[in-house]
N, C-alpha and C. Protein backbone atom coordinates (compact mmCIF):
# COMPACT_ATOMS: atom_id res chain seq x y z
N MET A 1 -8.93 -12.67 -5.28
CA MET A 1 -8.94 -11.97 -4.02
C MET A 1 -9.09 -13.00 -2.90
N ASP A 2 -8.26 -12.95 -1.86
CA ASP A 2 -8.39 -13.91 -0.78
C ASP A 2 -9.54 -13.50 0.15
N ASP A 3 -9.92 -14.41 1.06
CA ASP A 3 -11.08 -14.18 1.91
C ASP A 3 -10.97 -12.90 2.73
N LYS A 4 -9.80 -12.65 3.32
CA LYS A 4 -9.63 -11.46 4.17
C LYS A 4 -9.87 -10.19 3.35
N VAL A 5 -9.32 -10.13 2.18
CA VAL A 5 -9.49 -8.95 1.32
C VAL A 5 -10.96 -8.84 0.89
N THR A 6 -11.59 -9.98 0.61
CA THR A 6 -13.00 -9.96 0.22
C THR A 6 -13.86 -9.42 1.35
N TRP A 7 -13.62 -9.87 2.59
CA TRP A 7 -14.42 -9.38 3.73
C TRP A 7 -14.18 -7.90 3.94
N GLU A 8 -12.94 -7.45 3.75
CA GLU A 8 -12.65 -6.02 3.88
C GLU A 8 -13.37 -5.23 2.79
N ALA A 9 -13.42 -5.79 1.58
CA ALA A 9 -14.13 -5.12 0.48
C ALA A 9 -15.63 -5.04 0.79
N LEU A 10 -16.20 -6.11 1.32
CA LEU A 10 -17.62 -6.09 1.70
C LEU A 10 -17.89 -5.02 2.74
N HIS A 11 -17.01 -4.95 3.73
CA HIS A 11 -17.17 -3.94 4.78
C HIS A 11 -17.07 -2.53 4.18
N ALA A 12 -16.09 -2.33 3.32
CA ALA A 12 -15.92 -1.02 2.69
C ALA A 12 -17.16 -0.65 1.88
N LEU A 13 -17.70 -1.59 1.12
CA LEU A 13 -18.90 -1.31 0.33
C LEU A 13 -20.06 -0.91 1.23
N GLU A 14 -20.18 -1.58 2.37
CA GLU A 14 -21.25 -1.23 3.30
C GLU A 14 -21.05 0.17 3.86
N VAL A 15 -19.80 0.49 4.25
CA VAL A 15 -19.49 1.83 4.77
C VAL A 15 -19.79 2.89 3.71
N TRP A 16 -19.50 2.59 2.46
CA TRP A 16 -19.73 3.54 1.37
C TRP A 16 -21.19 3.54 0.92
N ASN A 17 -22.04 2.83 1.64
CA ASN A 17 -23.46 2.72 1.29
C ASN A 17 -23.64 2.17 -0.13
N TRP A 18 -22.75 1.27 -0.50
CA TRP A 18 -22.82 0.53 -1.76
C TRP A 18 -22.67 1.42 -2.99
N GLN A 19 -22.10 2.61 -2.79
CA GLN A 19 -21.86 3.54 -3.89
C GLN A 19 -20.36 3.74 -4.04
N ARG A 20 -19.91 3.93 -5.27
CA ARG A 20 -18.48 4.14 -5.53
C ARG A 20 -18.07 5.54 -5.09
N PRO A 21 -17.09 5.62 -4.16
CA PRO A 21 -16.56 6.94 -3.80
C PRO A 21 -15.76 7.50 -4.97
N ASN A 22 -15.68 8.80 -5.05
CA ASN A 22 -14.94 9.45 -6.15
C ASN A 22 -13.48 9.03 -6.19
N ALA A 23 -12.90 8.71 -5.04
CA ALA A 23 -11.47 8.36 -4.97
C ALA A 23 -11.19 6.96 -5.53
N ILE A 24 -12.22 6.17 -5.76
CA ILE A 24 -12.06 4.79 -6.25
C ILE A 24 -12.38 4.76 -7.74
N GLU A 25 -11.47 4.20 -8.49
CA GLU A 25 -11.67 4.07 -9.94
C GLU A 25 -12.84 3.13 -10.23
N PRO A 26 -13.66 3.43 -11.25
CA PRO A 26 -14.80 2.55 -11.58
C PRO A 26 -14.38 1.09 -11.81
N ALA A 27 -13.27 0.86 -12.48
CA ALA A 27 -12.83 -0.51 -12.75
C ALA A 27 -12.49 -1.24 -11.45
N ASP A 28 -11.85 -0.54 -10.50
CA ASP A 28 -11.52 -1.15 -9.21
C ASP A 28 -12.79 -1.46 -8.42
N PHE A 29 -13.75 -0.54 -8.47
CA PHE A 29 -15.03 -0.75 -7.79
C PHE A 29 -15.74 -1.98 -8.36
N ASP A 30 -15.78 -2.09 -9.68
CA ASP A 30 -16.41 -3.24 -10.33
C ASP A 30 -15.70 -4.54 -9.99
N ARG A 31 -14.36 -4.52 -9.94
CA ARG A 31 -13.61 -5.72 -9.56
C ARG A 31 -13.95 -6.17 -8.14
N ALA A 32 -14.10 -5.20 -7.24
CA ALA A 32 -14.46 -5.52 -5.85
C ALA A 32 -15.83 -6.18 -5.80
N ILE A 33 -16.77 -5.67 -6.56
CA ILE A 33 -18.11 -6.27 -6.59
C ILE A 33 -18.04 -7.68 -7.14
N GLN A 34 -17.31 -7.87 -8.23
CA GLN A 34 -17.20 -9.21 -8.83
C GLN A 34 -16.56 -10.20 -7.86
N ALA A 35 -15.59 -9.73 -7.08
CA ALA A 35 -14.92 -10.61 -6.13
C ALA A 35 -15.81 -10.96 -4.95
N CYS A 36 -16.70 -10.05 -4.58
CA CYS A 36 -17.57 -10.28 -3.42
C CYS A 36 -18.79 -11.14 -3.74
N LEU A 37 -19.24 -11.12 -4.96
CA LEU A 37 -20.46 -11.87 -5.31
C LEU A 37 -20.38 -13.36 -4.97
N PRO A 38 -19.29 -14.06 -5.26
CA PRO A 38 -19.25 -15.49 -4.91
C PRO A 38 -19.36 -15.77 -3.41
N VAL A 39 -19.00 -14.80 -2.60
CA VAL A 39 -19.09 -14.98 -1.15
C VAL A 39 -20.55 -14.96 -0.69
N LEU A 40 -21.38 -14.20 -1.41
CA LEU A 40 -22.77 -14.02 -1.01
C LEU A 40 -23.75 -14.87 -1.81
N SER A 41 -23.26 -15.60 -2.78
CA SER A 41 -24.16 -16.45 -3.56
C SER A 41 -23.39 -17.67 -4.04
N ASP A 42 -23.89 -18.85 -3.66
CA ASP A 42 -23.27 -20.07 -4.15
C ASP A 42 -23.69 -20.36 -5.59
N ALA A 43 -24.77 -19.72 -6.03
CA ALA A 43 -25.24 -19.90 -7.40
C ALA A 43 -24.48 -18.94 -8.33
N ASP A 44 -24.43 -19.30 -9.61
CA ASP A 44 -23.79 -18.43 -10.58
C ASP A 44 -24.70 -17.22 -10.79
N VAL A 45 -24.17 -16.02 -10.60
CA VAL A 45 -24.95 -14.80 -10.71
C VAL A 45 -24.95 -14.34 -12.16
N GLU A 46 -26.14 -14.04 -12.66
CA GLU A 46 -26.28 -13.57 -14.03
C GLU A 46 -25.45 -12.30 -14.22
N THR A 47 -24.89 -12.12 -15.40
CA THR A 47 -24.06 -10.97 -15.69
C THR A 47 -24.79 -9.66 -15.42
N ALA A 48 -26.08 -9.60 -15.77
CA ALA A 48 -26.86 -8.38 -15.56
C ALA A 48 -27.03 -8.05 -14.08
N ASP A 49 -26.91 -9.06 -13.20
CA ASP A 49 -27.11 -8.87 -11.76
C ASP A 49 -25.81 -8.60 -11.01
N ARG A 50 -24.73 -8.39 -11.71
CA ARG A 50 -23.43 -8.18 -11.06
C ARG A 50 -23.22 -6.68 -10.80
N THR A 51 -24.09 -6.12 -9.97
CA THR A 51 -24.04 -4.70 -9.64
C THR A 51 -23.95 -4.53 -8.13
N SER A 52 -23.63 -3.31 -7.71
CA SER A 52 -23.58 -3.05 -6.27
C SER A 52 -24.97 -3.19 -5.65
N THR A 53 -26.01 -2.88 -6.40
CA THR A 53 -27.38 -3.01 -5.89
C THR A 53 -27.71 -4.48 -5.65
N ALA A 54 -27.36 -5.35 -6.58
CA ALA A 54 -27.60 -6.78 -6.41
C ALA A 54 -26.78 -7.33 -5.25
N LEU A 55 -25.53 -6.89 -5.15
CA LEU A 55 -24.67 -7.34 -4.06
C LEU A 55 -25.24 -6.90 -2.72
N ARG A 56 -25.70 -5.67 -2.65
CA ARG A 56 -26.30 -5.16 -1.41
C ARG A 56 -27.52 -5.98 -1.02
N SER A 57 -28.34 -6.30 -1.98
CA SER A 57 -29.54 -7.10 -1.72
C SER A 57 -29.16 -8.48 -1.16
N LEU A 58 -28.17 -9.13 -1.76
CA LEU A 58 -27.70 -10.43 -1.27
C LEU A 58 -27.14 -10.31 0.14
N TYR A 59 -26.38 -9.26 0.39
CA TYR A 59 -25.75 -9.04 1.69
C TYR A 59 -26.81 -8.81 2.77
N GLU A 60 -27.77 -7.94 2.47
CA GLU A 60 -28.83 -7.66 3.45
C GLU A 60 -29.69 -8.88 3.71
N ARG A 61 -29.99 -9.65 2.68
CA ARG A 61 -30.77 -10.87 2.85
C ARG A 61 -30.02 -11.87 3.73
N SER A 62 -28.74 -12.02 3.46
CA SER A 62 -27.92 -12.94 4.24
C SER A 62 -27.84 -12.50 5.70
N ASN A 63 -27.62 -11.22 5.93
CA ASN A 63 -27.54 -10.71 7.30
C ASN A 63 -28.88 -10.83 8.02
N HIS A 64 -29.97 -10.64 7.31
CA HIS A 64 -31.30 -10.82 7.92
C HIS A 64 -31.49 -12.28 8.33
N ARG A 65 -31.15 -13.19 7.44
CA ARG A 65 -31.27 -14.62 7.76
C ARG A 65 -30.43 -14.96 9.00
N LEU A 66 -29.22 -14.44 9.05
CA LEU A 66 -28.34 -14.70 10.20
C LEU A 66 -28.92 -14.09 11.47
N GLY A 67 -29.49 -12.89 11.36
CA GLY A 67 -30.09 -12.24 12.52
C GLY A 67 -31.22 -13.03 13.13
N VAL A 68 -31.96 -13.74 12.29
CA VAL A 68 -33.06 -14.58 12.77
C VAL A 68 -32.51 -15.90 13.32
N PHE A 69 -31.51 -16.44 12.68
CA PHE A 69 -31.00 -17.78 13.02
C PHE A 69 -30.03 -17.80 14.19
N LEU A 70 -29.12 -16.83 14.27
CA LEU A 70 -28.02 -16.88 15.24
C LEU A 70 -28.45 -16.94 16.70
N PRO A 71 -29.47 -16.20 17.14
CA PRO A 71 -29.83 -16.31 18.56
C PRO A 71 -30.19 -17.74 18.98
N GLU A 72 -30.98 -18.43 18.18
CA GLU A 72 -31.34 -19.80 18.53
C GLU A 72 -30.16 -20.75 18.39
N PHE A 73 -29.34 -20.51 17.37
CA PHE A 73 -28.13 -21.32 17.18
C PHE A 73 -27.21 -21.19 18.39
N GLY A 74 -26.98 -19.95 18.82
CA GLY A 74 -26.12 -19.71 19.98
C GLY A 74 -26.69 -20.34 21.24
N LYS A 75 -27.99 -20.19 21.42
CA LYS A 75 -28.65 -20.79 22.60
C LYS A 75 -28.50 -22.30 22.56
N GLY A 76 -28.70 -22.89 21.40
CA GLY A 76 -28.55 -24.34 21.26
C GLY A 76 -27.14 -24.80 21.59
N LEU A 77 -26.14 -24.04 21.12
CA LEU A 77 -24.75 -24.41 21.40
C LEU A 77 -24.45 -24.34 22.90
N ARG A 78 -25.01 -23.33 23.56
CA ARG A 78 -24.73 -23.16 24.99
C ARG A 78 -25.45 -24.19 25.86
N THR A 79 -26.57 -24.70 25.38
CA THR A 79 -27.36 -25.62 26.21
C THR A 79 -27.21 -27.07 25.81
N THR A 80 -26.39 -27.36 24.84
CA THR A 80 -26.20 -28.72 24.35
C THR A 80 -24.87 -29.26 24.87
N ASP A 81 -24.83 -30.57 25.08
CA ASP A 81 -23.56 -31.13 25.54
C ASP A 81 -22.55 -31.15 24.40
N LYS A 82 -21.29 -31.30 24.76
CA LYS A 82 -20.19 -31.21 23.80
C LYS A 82 -20.37 -32.13 22.60
N SER A 83 -20.88 -33.32 22.83
CA SER A 83 -21.00 -34.28 21.73
C SER A 83 -22.01 -33.83 20.68
N GLN A 84 -22.96 -32.99 21.05
CA GLN A 84 -23.97 -32.54 20.10
C GLN A 84 -23.65 -31.19 19.46
N GLN A 85 -22.68 -30.48 20.02
CA GLN A 85 -22.36 -29.15 19.50
C GLN A 85 -21.86 -29.21 18.07
N ARG A 86 -20.99 -30.14 17.75
CA ARG A 86 -20.47 -30.26 16.38
C ARG A 86 -21.60 -30.59 15.42
N ALA A 87 -22.54 -31.45 15.85
CA ALA A 87 -23.69 -31.79 15.00
C ALA A 87 -24.55 -30.55 14.73
N LEU A 88 -24.71 -29.69 15.74
CA LEU A 88 -25.46 -28.44 15.54
C LEU A 88 -24.78 -27.55 14.51
N LEU A 89 -23.45 -27.46 14.59
CA LEU A 89 -22.72 -26.66 13.61
C LEU A 89 -22.89 -27.23 12.22
N GLU A 90 -22.82 -28.54 12.08
CA GLU A 90 -23.00 -29.18 10.77
C GLU A 90 -24.39 -28.90 10.21
N GLN A 91 -25.42 -28.95 11.07
CA GLN A 91 -26.78 -28.62 10.62
C GLN A 91 -26.87 -27.17 10.18
N ALA A 92 -26.21 -26.29 10.92
CA ALA A 92 -26.22 -24.87 10.57
C ALA A 92 -25.54 -24.65 9.22
N MET A 93 -24.46 -25.36 8.97
CA MET A 93 -23.75 -25.22 7.69
C MET A 93 -24.64 -25.68 6.53
N ILE A 94 -25.43 -26.71 6.76
CA ILE A 94 -26.38 -27.17 5.73
C ILE A 94 -27.43 -26.09 5.50
N TRP A 95 -27.89 -25.45 6.58
CA TRP A 95 -28.89 -24.37 6.48
C TRP A 95 -28.36 -23.18 5.69
N SER A 96 -27.08 -22.90 5.82
CA SER A 96 -26.51 -21.69 5.20
C SER A 96 -26.61 -21.74 3.69
N GLU A 97 -26.69 -20.55 3.11
CA GLU A 97 -26.83 -20.45 1.65
C GLU A 97 -25.57 -19.99 0.94
N ASN A 98 -24.58 -19.49 1.71
CA ASN A 98 -23.40 -18.95 1.04
C ASN A 98 -22.21 -18.93 1.98
N LYS A 99 -21.07 -18.59 1.43
CA LYS A 99 -19.81 -18.58 2.18
C LYS A 99 -19.84 -17.56 3.32
N HIS A 100 -20.48 -16.42 3.09
CA HIS A 100 -20.61 -15.39 4.12
C HIS A 100 -21.31 -15.97 5.35
N GLU A 101 -22.42 -16.63 5.16
CA GLU A 101 -23.17 -17.22 6.28
C GLU A 101 -22.35 -18.31 6.97
N ARG A 102 -21.67 -19.13 6.18
CA ARG A 102 -20.86 -20.20 6.78
C ARG A 102 -19.72 -19.63 7.63
N LEU A 103 -19.08 -18.56 7.15
CA LEU A 103 -18.01 -17.94 7.92
C LEU A 103 -18.54 -17.37 9.24
N ILE A 104 -19.66 -16.67 9.18
CA ILE A 104 -20.25 -16.08 10.39
C ILE A 104 -20.64 -17.19 11.37
N LEU A 105 -21.24 -18.27 10.87
CA LEU A 105 -21.62 -19.39 11.74
C LEU A 105 -20.39 -20.02 12.39
N ASP A 106 -19.34 -20.19 11.61
CA ASP A 106 -18.11 -20.77 12.15
C ASP A 106 -17.50 -19.86 13.21
N ARG A 107 -17.48 -18.55 12.94
CA ARG A 107 -16.96 -17.61 13.94
C ARG A 107 -17.81 -17.64 15.21
N CYS A 108 -19.12 -17.70 15.05
CA CYS A 108 -20.03 -17.76 16.19
C CYS A 108 -19.73 -19.01 17.03
N PHE A 109 -19.59 -20.13 16.36
CA PHE A 109 -19.30 -21.40 17.04
C PHE A 109 -17.99 -21.28 17.83
N LYS A 110 -16.94 -20.79 17.18
CA LYS A 110 -15.64 -20.66 17.84
C LYS A 110 -15.70 -19.69 19.01
N GLN A 111 -16.43 -18.59 18.85
CA GLN A 111 -16.55 -17.60 19.93
C GLN A 111 -17.28 -18.19 21.13
N ILE A 112 -18.35 -18.93 20.88
CA ILE A 112 -19.10 -19.54 21.98
C ILE A 112 -18.25 -20.58 22.69
N MET A 113 -17.51 -21.38 21.94
CA MET A 113 -16.64 -22.37 22.57
C MET A 113 -15.55 -21.69 23.40
N SER A 114 -15.00 -20.60 22.88
CA SER A 114 -13.97 -19.85 23.59
C SER A 114 -14.55 -19.21 24.86
N ASP A 115 -15.72 -18.60 24.73
CA ASP A 115 -16.37 -17.97 25.88
C ASP A 115 -16.71 -19.00 26.95
N GLU A 116 -17.17 -20.16 26.50
CA GLU A 116 -17.50 -21.23 27.44
C GLU A 116 -16.24 -21.70 28.19
N ALA A 117 -15.16 -21.87 27.46
CA ALA A 117 -13.91 -22.30 28.07
C ALA A 117 -13.38 -21.25 29.06
N ALA A 118 -13.65 -19.98 28.79
CA ALA A 118 -13.19 -18.90 29.67
C ALA A 118 -14.11 -18.71 30.88
N GLY A 119 -15.21 -19.46 30.93
CA GLY A 119 -16.12 -19.37 32.07
C GLY A 119 -17.10 -18.21 31.99
N LEU A 120 -17.29 -17.64 30.80
CA LEU A 120 -18.17 -16.47 30.67
C LEU A 120 -19.65 -16.80 30.82
N TYR A 121 -20.02 -18.07 30.76
CA TYR A 121 -21.42 -18.44 30.90
C TYR A 121 -21.80 -18.78 32.33
N ASP A 122 -20.88 -18.56 33.27
CA ASP A 122 -21.16 -18.78 34.68
C ASP A 122 -22.21 -17.76 35.11
N GLU A 123 -23.40 -18.25 35.44
CA GLU A 123 -24.50 -17.33 35.76
C GLU A 123 -24.30 -16.58 37.08
N HIS A 124 -23.29 -16.94 37.84
CA HIS A 124 -23.00 -16.24 39.09
C HIS A 124 -22.16 -14.99 38.86
N LEU A 125 -21.62 -14.83 37.67
CA LEU A 125 -20.83 -13.64 37.36
C LEU A 125 -21.75 -12.42 37.24
N SER A 126 -21.31 -11.31 37.81
CA SER A 126 -22.08 -10.07 37.65
C SER A 126 -21.82 -9.51 36.25
N ILE A 127 -22.66 -8.60 35.83
CA ILE A 127 -22.47 -7.94 34.53
C ILE A 127 -21.13 -7.21 34.52
N ASP A 128 -20.79 -6.55 35.60
CA ASP A 128 -19.51 -5.86 35.67
C ASP A 128 -18.35 -6.83 35.51
N ASP A 129 -18.45 -8.00 36.16
CA ASP A 129 -17.40 -9.02 36.02
C ASP A 129 -17.29 -9.48 34.57
N LEU A 130 -18.44 -9.68 33.91
CA LEU A 130 -18.43 -10.09 32.50
C LEU A 130 -17.77 -9.04 31.63
N ILE A 131 -18.11 -7.79 31.86
CA ILE A 131 -17.52 -6.71 31.06
C ILE A 131 -16.01 -6.71 31.24
N GLU A 132 -15.54 -6.88 32.46
CA GLU A 132 -14.10 -6.92 32.71
C GLU A 132 -13.45 -8.11 32.01
N MET A 133 -14.15 -9.24 31.97
CA MET A 133 -13.59 -10.43 31.32
C MET A 133 -13.56 -10.30 29.80
N VAL A 134 -14.53 -9.58 29.25
CA VAL A 134 -14.61 -9.40 27.79
C VAL A 134 -13.65 -8.31 27.32
N ALA A 135 -13.45 -7.30 28.16
CA ALA A 135 -12.52 -6.22 27.81
C ALA A 135 -11.10 -6.80 27.74
N THR A 136 -10.30 -6.18 26.92
CA THR A 136 -8.92 -6.65 26.73
C THR A 136 -7.95 -5.48 26.94
N ALA A 137 -6.68 -5.75 26.75
CA ALA A 137 -5.66 -4.71 26.84
C ALA A 137 -5.67 -3.82 25.58
N HIS A 138 -6.39 -4.27 24.55
CA HIS A 138 -6.45 -3.52 23.29
C HIS A 138 -7.77 -2.76 23.21
N TRP A 139 -7.75 -1.63 22.53
CA TRP A 139 -8.97 -0.84 22.36
C TRP A 139 -10.02 -1.63 21.59
N GLN A 140 -11.25 -1.61 22.11
CA GLN A 140 -12.40 -2.24 21.44
C GLN A 140 -13.56 -1.24 21.46
N LYS A 141 -14.34 -1.22 20.41
CA LYS A 141 -15.54 -0.39 20.40
C LYS A 141 -16.44 -0.82 21.56
N VAL A 142 -17.04 0.15 22.23
CA VAL A 142 -17.98 -0.16 23.31
C VAL A 142 -19.13 -1.00 22.76
N ALA A 143 -19.55 -0.70 21.53
CA ALA A 143 -20.64 -1.48 20.91
C ALA A 143 -20.26 -2.96 20.78
N MET A 144 -18.99 -3.25 20.52
CA MET A 144 -18.55 -4.65 20.41
C MET A 144 -18.59 -5.33 21.78
N VAL A 145 -18.13 -4.64 22.81
CA VAL A 145 -18.15 -5.20 24.16
C VAL A 145 -19.60 -5.45 24.59
N VAL A 146 -20.46 -4.47 24.37
CA VAL A 146 -21.87 -4.58 24.74
C VAL A 146 -22.54 -5.71 23.95
N GLY A 147 -22.28 -5.78 22.66
CA GLY A 147 -22.86 -6.83 21.82
C GLY A 147 -22.43 -8.22 22.28
N ARG A 148 -21.19 -8.34 22.65
CA ARG A 148 -20.69 -9.63 23.11
C ARG A 148 -21.37 -10.03 24.42
N ILE A 149 -21.55 -9.08 25.33
CA ILE A 149 -22.24 -9.37 26.59
C ILE A 149 -23.69 -9.77 26.30
N MET A 150 -24.34 -9.08 25.36
CA MET A 150 -25.72 -9.41 25.01
C MET A 150 -25.81 -10.82 24.44
N GLY A 151 -24.77 -11.27 23.74
CA GLY A 151 -24.75 -12.63 23.23
C GLY A 151 -24.58 -13.66 24.34
N ILE A 152 -23.86 -13.28 25.38
CA ILE A 152 -23.62 -14.18 26.51
C ILE A 152 -24.82 -14.19 27.45
N ARG A 153 -25.38 -13.03 27.68
CA ARG A 153 -26.53 -12.89 28.59
C ARG A 153 -27.67 -12.20 27.85
N PRO A 154 -28.42 -12.93 27.04
CA PRO A 154 -29.54 -12.33 26.31
C PRO A 154 -30.56 -11.72 27.28
N GLY A 155 -31.22 -10.70 26.82
CA GLY A 155 -32.26 -10.08 27.63
C GLY A 155 -31.88 -8.73 28.19
N PHE A 156 -30.60 -8.38 28.10
CA PHE A 156 -30.18 -7.06 28.58
C PHE A 156 -30.32 -6.04 27.47
N VAL A 157 -30.67 -4.84 27.85
CA VAL A 157 -30.79 -3.74 26.89
C VAL A 157 -29.40 -3.13 26.70
N ASP A 158 -29.07 -2.83 25.45
CA ASP A 158 -27.73 -2.34 25.15
C ASP A 158 -27.38 -1.08 25.93
N GLU A 159 -28.31 -0.17 26.10
CA GLU A 159 -28.02 1.08 26.83
C GLU A 159 -27.71 0.82 28.30
N ALA A 160 -28.37 -0.17 28.89
CA ALA A 160 -28.08 -0.51 30.28
C ALA A 160 -26.66 -1.06 30.41
N LEU A 161 -26.25 -1.87 29.45
CA LEU A 161 -24.89 -2.40 29.48
C LEU A 161 -23.86 -1.30 29.22
N ALA A 162 -24.19 -0.39 28.31
CA ALA A 162 -23.29 0.74 28.03
C ALA A 162 -23.13 1.59 29.29
N GLU A 163 -24.19 1.72 30.07
CA GLU A 163 -24.11 2.47 31.33
C GLU A 163 -23.17 1.78 32.31
N ARG A 164 -23.18 0.44 32.34
CA ARG A 164 -22.26 -0.30 33.21
C ARG A 164 -20.82 -0.10 32.75
N VAL A 165 -20.61 -0.04 31.43
CA VAL A 165 -19.26 0.22 30.90
C VAL A 165 -18.81 1.60 31.38
N ARG A 166 -19.69 2.61 31.28
CA ARG A 166 -19.35 3.96 31.73
C ARG A 166 -19.01 3.96 33.23
N ALA A 167 -19.76 3.18 34.02
CA ALA A 167 -19.49 3.10 35.46
C ALA A 167 -18.11 2.50 35.73
N LEU A 168 -17.74 1.49 34.94
CA LEU A 168 -16.41 0.88 35.11
C LEU A 168 -15.30 1.85 34.70
N VAL A 169 -15.59 2.69 33.73
CA VAL A 169 -14.63 3.74 33.35
C VAL A 169 -14.50 4.73 34.50
N ASP A 170 -15.63 5.14 35.06
CA ASP A 170 -15.61 6.09 36.19
C ASP A 170 -14.86 5.53 37.39
N ARG A 171 -14.95 4.21 37.61
CA ARG A 171 -14.26 3.57 38.73
C ARG A 171 -12.79 3.30 38.44
N GLY A 172 -12.35 3.54 37.20
CA GLY A 172 -10.95 3.33 36.85
C GLY A 172 -10.60 1.91 36.46
N VAL A 173 -11.62 1.05 36.29
CA VAL A 173 -11.39 -0.34 35.89
C VAL A 173 -11.07 -0.39 34.39
N LEU A 174 -11.74 0.47 33.62
CA LEU A 174 -11.52 0.56 32.18
C LEU A 174 -11.05 1.96 31.83
N GLU A 175 -10.30 2.06 30.74
CA GLU A 175 -9.93 3.35 30.15
C GLU A 175 -10.81 3.53 28.92
N ALA A 176 -11.11 4.79 28.60
CA ALA A 176 -11.98 5.05 27.45
C ALA A 176 -11.38 6.14 26.58
N GLN A 177 -11.78 6.08 25.31
CA GLN A 177 -11.48 7.18 24.38
C GLN A 177 -12.69 7.35 23.49
N GLY A 178 -12.93 8.57 23.08
CA GLY A 178 -14.11 8.86 22.26
C GLY A 178 -15.28 9.31 23.11
N ASP A 179 -16.45 9.32 22.49
CA ASP A 179 -17.68 9.80 23.11
C ASP A 179 -18.44 8.64 23.74
N LEU A 180 -18.31 8.45 25.06
CA LEU A 180 -18.94 7.32 25.73
C LEU A 180 -20.47 7.35 25.67
N SER A 181 -21.05 8.48 25.31
CA SER A 181 -22.50 8.51 25.19
C SER A 181 -22.96 7.86 23.88
N ASN A 182 -21.98 7.52 23.01
CA ASN A 182 -22.29 6.85 21.75
C ASN A 182 -21.40 5.61 21.62
N MET A 183 -22.01 4.43 21.76
CA MET A 183 -21.25 3.17 21.77
C MET A 183 -20.40 2.96 20.52
N ARG A 184 -20.88 3.44 19.39
CA ARG A 184 -20.17 3.21 18.14
C ARG A 184 -19.02 4.20 17.92
N HIS A 185 -18.97 5.23 18.77
CA HIS A 185 -17.93 6.24 18.63
C HIS A 185 -17.05 6.32 19.87
N SER A 186 -16.95 5.22 20.57
CA SER A 186 -16.08 5.17 21.75
C SER A 186 -15.47 3.80 21.87
N GLU A 187 -14.33 3.77 22.54
CA GLU A 187 -13.60 2.51 22.74
C GLU A 187 -13.16 2.41 24.18
N VAL A 188 -13.01 1.17 24.63
CA VAL A 188 -12.52 0.92 26.00
C VAL A 188 -11.46 -0.18 25.97
N ARG A 189 -10.66 -0.19 27.02
CA ARG A 189 -9.71 -1.26 27.26
C ARG A 189 -9.50 -1.34 28.77
N LEU A 190 -8.92 -2.43 29.22
CA LEU A 190 -8.62 -2.57 30.63
C LEU A 190 -7.64 -1.49 31.05
N ALA A 191 -7.86 -0.91 32.21
CA ALA A 191 -6.97 0.13 32.72
C ALA A 191 -5.58 -0.46 32.97
N ASN A 192 -4.57 0.37 32.91
CA ASN A 192 -3.19 -0.04 33.14
C ASN A 192 -2.72 -1.11 32.15
N SER A 193 -3.19 -1.00 30.91
CA SER A 193 -2.79 -1.98 29.89
C SER A 193 -1.58 -1.52 29.13
């Protein structure tokens, strides 16, 4: 299974709450688990531990570690000069325990570099300006837009940012679909896209 398919399988397992849906054959479900295990553990996993419960435990542990590590990592990348940023990424890769963590760290690094190049860290930008810069011509979950802004400007409460998104929709700057009172069930894009 290639990386993209493996990440999609991990996401599907999470959506299914790590239980096999009736529509999925047991053998296919087991193959998906076997394919995902190497992504979440660099060590050889004992045969008895090759279950969805073990995989879920590895996934949750990895995500918890990332949740603790990523805010400081991102802050370090934003406040360090270019010559030290690559060294920070290399240190983070040494810290990581598995391919899942390394991929997330690499994506984080690339996103921060891209955001920096786009001028998103300019502290003179208003929150509304940031939301407009993060929004695209393609539909994005409001939760993704809000999360990205929170990564750029830590300290904001997600509901306050979601309210700014709703205000931009009301002003016609953004178009919306879904239930804007629920960030995970609504999407926005730049108006006239």
